[in-house]
């Protein structure tokens, strides 16, 4: 992102206002008041209710319609999950191998291709969203939020709730501008971690926009969220390098790796709690798993030695039920090995 684009976004977010010229006059869009948001929410609910029993598609019916036309299936939902998993794995690879330039460039290319594939799938998945009841209600709500937040150059509100539908040209002009100047995730993240906004955030992070959190615009809230995200990264005891922090894919990989480590540790704790003596203190062990899949999930979060022990115990308790500790397969093997060691030591001692 060049400095012109960055400064334009920062200035827009700092004021929360957007200025446009229309038919020789200047108009401004101000952050919607609480009253405006509440009123627009009423309009949204009324729209949902008024079109509930007509022939318009709901989002649920739109999906059924897509499937009936062969444009979508459950396998497409599964494919999206698989693509996201591959993307996450590639990001983790980039984080762990950030010093390998060629390998990271190759992984980045793979991610970009998969993201483009995801975008195509999402386009199909939500093809009819704009003509659904929910889509219409959301558009109507946004139209009223915009319309009731437009002021002229004398700071007078241009529209009343009754006059909005009479003059949509100016409202649509602002809607088109906001759509065209949409701030991407990458832009939010770059602004949040770099100057000049990083210094502004550090100085007055709790009131950087001079408004209560409830009065922040959605764009301002997004930027605050990313600023706090980077605060957490910088303050983390295992903070990654600046190279990783400055690369969105690599940092995503760091987040994903930390999440997986946390999930693995949690699973290990759950496993440890399962491998314990029964309540009767009779030295019995048993595993309570609801399915083979759950057992496999437990196994994959432990090291090889632990997995072998757990696997043998699962199979044994599955076959025989609760067993005495001494009768568990790994315990039997350990006792035999111990006996053999003791016998060997005795023989050595007699020589």
Protein backbone atom coordinates (compact mmCIF):
# COMPACT_ATOMS: atom_id res chain seq x y z
CA UNK A 1 0.00 0.00 0.00
CA UNK A 2 1.46 3.36 -0.99
CA UNK A 3 1.61 6.35 1.35
CA UNK A 4 -1.19 8.20 -0.47
CA UNK A 5 -3.63 5.33 0.05
CA UNK A 6 -2.49 4.80 3.65
CA UNK A 7 -2.84 8.45 4.63
CA UNK A 8 -6.22 8.67 2.90
CA UNK A 9 -7.53 5.74 4.96
CA UNK A 10 -6.07 7.09 8.21
CA UNK A 11 -7.60 10.54 7.65
CA UNK A 12 -10.95 9.00 6.83
CA UNK A 13 -10.90 6.78 9.92
CA UNK A 14 -9.63 9.54 12.20
CA UNK A 15 -12.66 11.72 11.46
CA UNK A 16 -15.13 8.96 10.68
CA UNK A 17 -16.50 11.17 7.91
CA UNK A 18 -16.66 10.94 4.12
CA UNK A 19 -17.08 14.00 1.85
CA UNK A 20 -18.51 13.88 -1.68
CA UNK A 21 -19.46 16.48 -4.27
CA UNK A 22 -22.82 16.02 -5.97
CA UNK A 23 -24.34 18.41 -8.51
CA UNK A 24 -21.97 21.19 -7.45
CA UNK A 25 -22.69 20.81 -3.72
CA UNK A 26 -20.61 19.22 -0.96
CA UNK A 27 -22.16 16.61 1.29
CA UNK A 28 -20.69 14.67 4.16
CA UNK A 29 -21.45 11.30 5.67
CA UNK A 30 -21.01 11.33 9.45
CA UNK A 31 -20.82 8.33 11.82
CA UNK A 32 -24.39 7.15 12.48
CA UNK A 33 -25.83 8.14 15.84
CA UNK A 34 -27.19 5.57 18.27
CA UNK A 35 -30.68 6.78 17.43
CA UNK A 36 -30.04 6.27 13.71
CA UNK A 37 -28.74 2.75 14.27
CA UNK A 38 -31.74 1.86 16.44
CA UNK A 39 -34.17 3.27 13.87
CA UNK A 40 -32.44 1.43 11.03
CA UNK A 41 -32.63 -1.81 12.99
CA UNK A 42 -36.39 -1.32 13.28
CA UNK A 43 -36.55 -0.88 9.49
CA UNK A 44 -34.53 -4.09 9.08
CA UNK A 45 -36.90 -6.10 11.29
CA UNK A 46 -39.98 -4.64 9.55
CA UNK A 47 -38.57 -5.57 6.15
CA UNK A 48 -37.96 -9.15 7.27
CA UNK A 49 -41.51 -9.39 8.59
CA UNK A 50 -43.20 -7.74 5.58
CA UNK A 51 -41.56 -10.10 3.07
CA UNK A 52 -41.68 -13.23 5.22
CA UNK A 53 -44.73 -14.74 3.55
CA UNK A 54 -44.24 -13.65 -0.05
CA UNK A 55 -42.48 -15.59 -2.79
CA UNK A 56 -39.04 -14.10 -2.21
CA UNK A 57 -36.19 -16.49 -1.48
CA UNK A 58 -34.84 -16.82 2.02
CA UNK A 59 -31.14 -17.63 2.35
CA UNK A 60 -32.09 -21.17 3.29
CA UNK A 61 -34.25 -21.54 0.18
CA UNK A 62 -31.56 -19.92 -1.96
CA UNK A 63 -29.16 -22.68 -0.94
CA UNK A 64 -31.78 -25.33 -1.77
CA UNK A 65 -32.26 -23.63 -5.14
CA UNK A 66 -28.52 -23.72 -5.81
CA UNK A 67 -28.35 -27.42 -4.99
CA UNK A 68 -31.40 -28.19 -7.15
CA UNK A 69 -29.70 -26.52 -10.12
CA UNK A 70 -26.52 -28.49 -9.50
CA UNK A 71 -24.54 -25.36 -8.67
CA UNK A 72 -23.74 -26.40 -5.09
CA UNK A 73 -23.52 -29.55 -2.98
CA UNK A 74 -22.42 -30.70 0.45
CA UNK A 75 -19.10 -31.71 -1.10
CA UNK A 76 -18.49 -28.03 -1.93
CA UNK A 77 -18.80 -27.16 1.76
CA UNK A 78 -16.31 -29.94 2.50
CA UNK A 79 -14.02 -28.64 -0.24
CA UNK A 80 -14.00 -25.17 1.37
CA UNK A 81 -12.93 -26.72 4.68
CA UNK A 82 -10.18 -28.68 2.94
CA UNK A 83 -8.90 -25.60 1.10
CA UNK A 84 -8.81 -23.58 4.32
CA UNK A 85 -6.87 -26.41 5.98
CA UNK A 86 -4.28 -26.46 3.19
CA UNK A 87 -3.97 -22.68 3.34
CA UNK A 88 -3.36 -22.85 7.09
CA UNK A 89 -0.73 -25.58 6.64
CA UNK A 90 1.06 -23.49 4.01
CA UNK A 91 1.07 -20.47 6.33
CA UNK A 92 2.54 -22.56 9.15
CA UNK A 93 5.18 -23.78 6.72
CA UNK A 94 6.05 -20.19 5.80
CA UNK A 95 6.33 -19.24 9.48
CA UNK A 96 8.58 -22.18 10.33
CA UNK A 97 10.72 -21.73 7.21
CA UNK A 98 10.70 -17.95 6.92
CA UNK A 99 14.44 -17.97 6.16
CA UNK A 100 13.91 -20.09 3.01
CA UNK A 101 13.18 -17.51 0.34
CA UNK A 102 12.33 -19.80 -2.59
CA UNK A 103 10.23 -22.17 -0.50
CA UNK A 104 8.24 -19.31 1.01
CA UNK A 105 7.67 -17.79 -2.43
CA UNK A 106 6.32 -21.13 -3.64
CA UNK A 107 4.03 -21.46 -0.58
CA UNK A 108 2.78 -17.91 -1.08
CA UNK A 109 1.91 -18.70 -4.69
CA UNK A 110 -0.04 -21.77 -3.57
CA UNK A 111 -1.95 -19.72 -0.98
CA UNK A 112 -2.84 -17.02 -3.50
CA UNK A 113 -4.15 -19.64 -5.91
CA UNK A 114 -6.24 -21.31 -3.21
CA UNK A 115 -7.61 -17.96 -2.04
CA UNK A 116 -8.71 -17.23 -5.61
CA UNK A 117 -10.39 -20.65 -5.74
CA UNK A 118 -12.17 -19.90 -2.45
CA UNK A 119 -13.38 -16.57 -3.80
CA UNK A 120 -14.91 -18.32 -6.81
CA UNK A 121 -16.69 -20.79 -4.57
CA UNK A 122 -18.01 -18.08 -2.27
CA UNK A 123 -19.27 -16.17 -5.32
CA UNK A 124 -21.32 -19.20 -6.35
CA UNK A 125 -22.41 -19.99 -2.79
CA UNK A 126 -23.89 -16.51 -2.30
CA UNK A 127 -24.97 -15.94 -5.91
CA UNK A 128 -28.59 -15.18 -4.99
CA UNK A 129 -27.88 -13.46 -1.67
CA UNK A 130 -28.77 -9.97 -2.93
CA UNK A 131 -32.29 -11.08 -3.88
CA UNK A 132 -33.05 -12.97 -0.66
CA UNK A 133 -35.31 -11.56 2.05
CA UNK A 134 -32.33 -11.21 4.38
CA UNK A 135 -30.23 -9.54 1.68
CA UNK A 136 -32.99 -7.04 0.93
CA UNK A 137 -33.47 -6.29 4.63
CA UNK A 138 -29.73 -5.66 5.09
CA UNK A 139 -29.63 -3.38 2.04
CA UNK A 140 -32.65 -1.44 3.35
CA UNK A 141 -31.05 -1.05 6.77
CA UNK A 142 -27.81 0.24 5.23
CA UNK A 143 -29.74 2.62 3.00
CA UNK A 144 -31.44 4.20 6.02
CA UNK A 145 -28.21 4.34 8.02
CA UNK A 146 -26.51 6.15 5.14
CA UNK A 147 -29.49 8.37 4.32
CA UNK A 148 -30.00 9.56 7.88
CA UNK A 149 -26.26 10.26 8.27
CA UNK A 150 -25.84 12.59 5.27
CA UNK A 151 -25.46 16.30 6.02
CA UNK A 152 -25.01 19.33 3.75
CA UNK A 153 -22.33 22.02 3.98
CA UNK A 154 -24.35 23.87 6.63
CA UNK A 155 -24.41 20.79 8.90
CA UNK A 156 -28.09 20.18 8.27
CA UNK A 157 -29.37 16.63 7.83
CA UNK A 158 -30.44 16.16 4.22
CA UNK A 159 -33.06 13.43 4.59
CA UNK A 160 -35.77 12.55 7.06
CA UNK A 161 -37.02 9.02 7.48
CA UNK A 162 -40.00 9.85 5.26
CA UNK A 163 -37.99 11.43 2.45
CA UNK A 164 -35.27 8.82 1.95
CA UNK A 165 -37.15 6.83 -0.69
CA UNK A 166 -37.83 10.01 -2.69
CA UNK A 167 -34.17 10.76 -3.44
CA UNK A 168 -31.92 7.72 -3.71
CA UNK A 169 -29.33 9.15 -6.09
CA UNK A 170 -27.20 10.78 -3.37
CA UNK A 171 -27.54 7.79 -1.06
CA UNK A 172 -26.47 5.39 -3.80
CA UNK A 173 -23.53 7.68 -4.57
CA UNK A 174 -22.24 7.27 -1.01
CA UNK A 175 -22.95 3.53 -1.06
CA UNK A 176 -20.98 3.18 -4.29
CA UNK A 177 -18.08 5.19 -2.83
CA UNK A 178 -17.91 3.04 0.30
CA UNK A 179 -17.98 -0.10 -1.81
CA UNK A 180 -15.23 1.18 -4.08
CA UNK A 181 -13.06 2.38 -1.18
CA UNK A 182 -13.54 -0.82 0.82
CA UNK A 183 -10.65 -1.30 3.25
CA UNK A 184 -9.10 -4.75 2.94
CA UNK A 185 -7.83 -6.91 5.79
CA UNK A 186 -4.29 -6.46 4.51
CA UNK A 187 -4.66 -2.67 4.63
CA UNK A 188 -6.05 -2.72 8.18
CA UNK A 189 -3.15 -4.87 9.33
CA UNK A 190 -0.48 -2.74 7.67
CA UNK A 191 -1.91 0.46 9.15
CA UNK A 192 -2.18 -1.17 12.61
CA UNK A 193 1.48 -2.22 12.75
CA UNK A 194 3.21 0.66 10.97
CA UNK A 195 3.65 4.43 11.23
CA UNK A 196 2.11 6.89 11.48
CA UNK A 197 -0.89 5.21 13.12
CA UNK A 198 1.13 2.91 15.35
CA UNK A 199 2.43 5.89 17.32
CA UNK A 200 -1.05 7.39 17.62
CA UNK A 201 -2.32 4.09 18.95
CA UNK A 202 0.54 3.80 21.46
CA UNK A 203 -0.10 7.29 22.80
CA UNK A 204 -3.89 7.08 23.18
CA UNK A 205 -5.02 3.54 22.43
CA UNK A 206 -8.01 3.73 24.77
CA UNK A 207 -9.43 6.83 23.06
CA UNK A 208 -7.61 7.05 19.76
CA UNK A 209 -10.75 8.11 17.88
CA UNK A 210 -12.16 10.31 20.64
CA UNK A 211 -15.41 8.36 20.92
CA UNK A 212 -16.98 5.72 23.14
CA UNK A 213 -16.56 2.18 21.77
CA UNK A 214 -20.29 1.93 21.06
CA UNK A 215 -20.08 5.02 18.83
CA UNK A 216 -17.16 3.84 16.71
CA UNK A 217 -17.80 3.13 13.04
CA UNK A 218 -17.32 -0.43 11.78
CA UNK A 219 -14.07 0.63 10.07
CA UNK A 220 -12.75 2.17 13.29
CA UNK A 221 -13.67 -0.95 15.26
CA UNK A 222 -11.85 -3.13 12.74
CA UNK A 223 -8.67 -1.07 13.04
CA UNK A 224 -8.82 -1.12 16.86
CA UNK A 225 -9.22 -4.90 16.74
CA UNK A 226 -6.08 -5.30 14.63
CA UNK A 227 -4.11 -2.85 16.76
CA UNK A 228 -4.91 -4.93 19.84
CA UNK A 229 -4.00 -8.08 17.95
CA UNK A 230 -0.53 -6.70 17.27
CA UNK A 231 -0.25 -5.55 20.89
CA UNK A 232 -0.76 -9.18 21.93
CA UNK A 233 1.86 -10.34 19.44
CA UNK A 234 4.47 -7.81 20.62
CA UNK A 235 3.80 -8.67 24.28
CA UNK A 236 3.83 -12.45 23.80
CA UNK A 237 6.67 -14.24 25.67
CA UNK A 238 7.48 -16.14 22.46
CA UNK A 239 7.12 -13.15 20.19
CA UNK A 240 8.05 -13.95 16.58
CA UNK A 241 10.65 -12.02 14.60
CA UNK A 242 9.88 -8.73 12.88
CA UNK A 243 10.10 -10.54 9.56
CA UNK A 244 7.24 -12.81 10.61
CA UNK A 245 5.20 -9.97 12.14
CA UNK A 246 5.46 -7.90 8.95
CA UNK A 247 4.26 -10.78 6.77
CA UNK A 248 0.53 -11.48 7.12
CA UNK A 249 0.79 -15.10 5.94
CA UNK A 250 3.73 -15.88 8.22
CA UNK A 251 2.05 -14.28 11.22
CA UNK A 252 -1.14 -16.20 10.48
CA UNK A 253 1.04 -19.32 10.50
CA UNK A 254 2.44 -18.34 13.90
CA UNK A 255 -1.10 -17.89 15.27
CA UNK A 256 -2.18 -21.24 13.82
CA UNK A 257 0.86 -23.03 15.24
CA UNK A 258 0.27 -21.58 18.72
CA UNK A 259 -3.39 -22.59 18.52
CA UNK A 260 -2.47 -26.14 17.53
CA UNK A 261 0.07 -26.36 20.35
CA UNK A 262 -2.60 -25.24 22.80
CA UNK A 263 -5.10 -27.78 21.42
CA UNK A 264 -2.48 -30.53 21.64
CA UNK A 265 -1.70 -29.68 25.24
CA UNK A 266 -5.40 -29.66 26.09
CA UNK A 267 -5.88 -33.05 24.45
CA UNK A 268 -2.88 -34.42 26.34
CA UNK A 269 -4.38 -33.24 29.62
CA UNK A 270 -7.67 -34.88 28.70
CA UNK A 271 -5.80 -38.08 27.89
CA UNK A 272 -3.93 -37.98 31.19
CA UNK A 273 -7.22 -37.63 33.04
CA UNK A 274 -8.62 -40.63 31.15
CA UNK A 275 -5.62 -42.81 31.95
CA UNK A 276 -6.14 -42.99 35.68
CA UNK A 277 -7.34 -45.33 38.35
CA UNK A 278 -11.04 -45.98 38.59
CA UNK A 279 -13.05 -44.49 41.43
CA UNK A 280 -12.90 -47.71 43.46
CA UNK A 281 -9.08 -47.38 43.81
CA UNK A 282 -8.78 -51.03 42.87
CA UNK A 283 -5.95 -50.35 40.49
CA UNK A 284 -8.20 -50.67 37.46
CA UNK A 285 -7.79 -48.67 34.28
CA UNK A 286 -10.30 -47.94 31.54
CA UNK A 287 -10.82 -45.62 28.60
CA UNK A 288 -14.14 -43.97 27.90
CA UNK A 289 -14.25 -43.06 24.21
CA UNK A 290 -17.40 -42.68 22.16
CA UNK A 291 -15.93 -43.69 18.82
CA UNK A 292 -12.88 -44.87 16.91
CA UNK A 293 -12.50 -41.31 15.63
CA UNK A 294 -12.26 -39.97 19.19
CA UNK A 295 -9.63 -42.55 20.02
CA UNK A 296 -7.62 -41.62 16.92
CA UNK A 297 -7.88 -37.95 17.86
CA UNK A 298 -6.48 -38.71 21.32
CA UNK A 299 -3.65 -40.76 19.86
CA UNK A 300 -2.44 -38.15 17.40
CA UNK A 301 -1.88 -35.59 20.19
CA UNK A 302 0.67 -37.76 22.03
CA UNK A 303 4.26 -38.78 21.31
CA UNK A 304 5.06 -42.16 19.74
CA UNK A 305 5.76 -43.97 23.02
CA UNK A 306 2.59 -42.61 24.64
CA UNK A 307 0.55 -43.44 21.55
CA UNK A 308 1.69 -47.05 21.60
CA UNK A 309 0.82 -47.38 25.28
CA UNK A 310 -2.54 -45.70 24.86
CA UNK A 311 -3.37 -47.75 21.78
CA UNK A 312 -2.61 -51.02 23.51
CA UNK A 313 -4.69 -49.94 26.53
CA UNK A 314 -7.63 -48.91 24.34
CA UNK A 315 -7.60 -52.26 22.54
CA UNK A 316 -7.22 -54.21 25.78
CA UNK A 317 -10.00 -52.39 27.65
CA UNK A 318 -12.18 -52.63 24.55
CA UNK A 319 -11.67 -56.42 24.55
CA UNK A 320 -11.66 -57.19 28.29
CA UNK A 321 -13.28 -54.17 29.94
CA UNK A 322 -11.62 -52.67 33.05
CA UNK A 323 -8.30 -54.29 33.89
CA UNK A 324 -6.02 -54.36 36.90
CA UNK A 325 -3.00 -52.12 36.40
CA UNK A 326 -0.69 -55.15 36.42
CA UNK A 327 -2.76 -56.75 33.63
CA UNK A 328 -2.46 -53.84 31.19
CA UNK A 329 -0.36 -54.85 28.13
CA UNK A 330 2.28 -52.14 28.55
CA UNK A 331 2.50 -52.81 32.31
CA UNK A 332 2.96 -56.54 31.69
CA UNK A 333 5.76 -55.77 29.25
CA UNK A 334 7.34 -53.32 31.69
CA UNK A 335 7.16 -55.87 34.53
CA UNK A 336 8.70 -58.57 32.32
CA UNK A 337 11.51 -56.25 31.27
CA UNK A 338 12.09 -55.31 34.89
CA UNK A 339 12.26 -58.97 35.92
CA UNK A 340 14.70 -59.70 33.12
CA UNK A 341 16.90 -56.78 34.17
CA UNK A 342 16.89 -57.93 37.79
CA UNK A 343 17.74 -61.49 36.75
CA UNK A 344 20.54 -60.21 34.57
CA UNK A 345 21.95 -58.13 37.42
CA UNK A 346 21.88 -61.16 39.75
CA UNK A 347 23.77 -63.27 37.22
CA UNK A 348 26.37 -60.50 36.80
CA UNK A 349 26.68 -60.24 40.56
CA UNK A 350 27.55 -63.93 40.92
CA UNK A 351 30.42 -63.70 38.47
